[in-house]
Amino acid sequence: MIHTTLFDDQLITLVDHLTAVLADERSIDHVFAVASYFRTLGLTLVPDEIHVPDADDE
């Protein structure tokens, strides 16, 4: 597995780092992910950090 050291306390894979770079280039703020280091890269995790209303909420 290829890793890049972005932060001293975390190893983030090259694929995940590229995902964050592409998201930034395309002005994407939210990603469907469970890896908490995406927060470190400035992204919001879905569904963890936003409320997605279901049919009962309406």
C-alpha atoms as a PDB file:
ATOM      1  CA  MET A   1       0.000   0.000   0.000  1.00  0.00           C
ATOM      2  CA  ILE A   2       1.345   3.436  -0.920  1.00  0.00           C
ATOM      3  CA  HIS A   3       1.145   6.062   1.809  1.00  0.00           C
ATOM      4  CA  THR A   4       1.986   9.710   1.934  1.00  0.00           C
ATOM      5  CA  THR A   5       2.763  11.417   5.217  1.00  0.00           C
ATOM      6  CA  LEU A   6       0.671  14.565   5.280  1.00  0.00           C
ATOM      7  CA  PHE A   7       0.492  15.033   9.014  1.00  0.00           C
ATOM      8  CA  ASP A   8       2.852  13.763  11.679  1.00  0.00           C
ATOM      9  CA  ASP A   9       0.122  11.879  13.525  1.00  0.00           C
ATOM     10  CA  GLN A  10      -1.686  10.293  10.544  1.00  0.00           C
ATOM     11  CA  LEU A  11      -0.899   8.242   7.480  1.00  0.00           C
ATOM     12  CA  ILE A  12      -3.232   8.999   4.611  1.00  0.00           C
ATOM     13  CA  THR A  13      -3.204   6.820   1.515  1.00  0.00           C
ATOM     14  CA  LEU A  14      -2.297   8.311  -1.824  1.00  0.00           C
ATOM     15  CA  VAL A  15      -5.765   7.428  -3.153  1.00  0.00           C
ATOM     16  CA  ASP A  16      -7.516   9.235  -0.275  1.00  0.00           C
ATOM     17  CA  HIS A  17      -5.256  12.256  -0.645  1.00  0.00           C
ATOM     18  CA  LEU A  18      -5.989  12.400  -4.386  1.00  0.00           C
ATOM     19  CA  THR A  19      -9.704  12.136  -3.597  1.00  0.00           C
ATOM     20  CA  ALA A  20      -9.393  15.198  -1.367  1.00  0.00           C
ATOM     21  CA  VAL A  21      -7.420  17.092  -4.031  1.00  0.00           C
ATOM     22  CA  LEU A  22     -10.014  16.301  -6.713  1.00  0.00           C
ATOM     23  CA  ALA A  23     -12.845  17.249  -4.363  1.00  0.00           C
ATOM     24  CA  ASP A  24     -11.145  20.581  -3.704  1.00  0.00           C
ATOM     25  CA  GLU A  25     -10.611  21.252  -7.417  1.00  0.00           C
ATOM     26  CA  ARG A  26     -14.314  20.578  -8.047  1.00  0.00           C
ATOM     27  CA  SER A  27     -15.560  22.548  -5.008  1.00  0.00           C
ATOM     28  CA  ILE A  28     -16.945  19.411  -3.360  1.00  0.00           C
ATOM     29  CA  ASP A  29     -17.355  19.845   0.401  1.00  0.00           C
ATOM     30  CA  HIS A  30     -19.010  16.550   1.399  1.00  0.00           C
ATOM     31  CA  VAL A  31     -17.776  12.998   0.856  1.00  0.00           C
ATOM     32  CA  PHE A  32     -19.354   9.643   1.626  1.00  0.00           C
ATOM     33  CA  ALA A  33     -16.690   8.155   3.881  1.00  0.00           C
ATOM     34  CA  VAL A  34     -16.028   6.728   7.311  1.00  0.00           C
ATOM     35  CA  ALA A  35     -12.328   7.593   7.539  1.00  0.00           C
ATOM     36  CA  SER A  36     -12.033  10.483   9.977  1.00  0.00           C
ATOM     37  CA  TYR A  37      -8.912  11.899   8.349  1.00  0.00           C
ATOM     38  CA  PHE A  38     -11.073  13.297   5.561  1.00  0.00           C
ATOM     39  CA  ARG A  39     -12.050  15.906   8.184  1.00  0.00           C
ATOM     40  CA  THR A  40      -8.365  16.732   8.545  1.00  0.00           C
ATOM     41  CA  LEU A  41      -8.297  17.307   4.797  1.00  0.00           C
ATOM     42  CA  GLY A  42     -11.136  19.819   5.147  1.00  0.00           C
ATOM     43  CA  LEU A  43     -14.079  17.701   4.010  1.00  0.00           C
ATOM     44  CA  THR A  44     -17.412  17.000   5.702  1.00  0.00           C
ATOM     45  CA  LEU A  45     -18.351  13.341   6.081  1.00  0.00           C
ATOM     46  CA  VAL A  46     -21.715  12.028   4.951  1.00  0.00           C
ATOM     47  CA  PRO A  47     -23.761  10.691   6.691  1.00  0.00           C
ATOM     48  CA  ASP A  48     -21.780  11.247   9.916  1.00  0.00           C
ATOM     49  CA  GLU A  49     -21.801  15.055  10.085  1.00  0.00           C
ATOM     50  CA  ILE A  50     -24.999  16.122   8.362  1.00  0.00           C
ATOM     51  CA  HIS A  51     -28.633  15.362   9.017  1.00  0.00           C
ATOM     52  CA  VAL A  52     -30.265  13.661   6.068  1.00  0.00           C
ATOM     53  CA  PRO A  53     -34.046  13.893   6.549  1.00  0.00           C
ATOM     54  CA  ASP A  54     -36.022  10.760   5.952  1.00  0.00           C
ATOM     55  CA  ALA A  55     -39.686  10.436   4.988  1.00  0.00           C
ATOM     56  CA  ASP A  56     -40.783  10.615   8.658  1.00  0.00           C
ATOM     57  CA  ASP A  57     -39.199  14.090   9.095  1.00  0.00           C
ATOM     58  CA  GLU A  58     -41.498  15.768   6.608  1.00  0.00           C
END
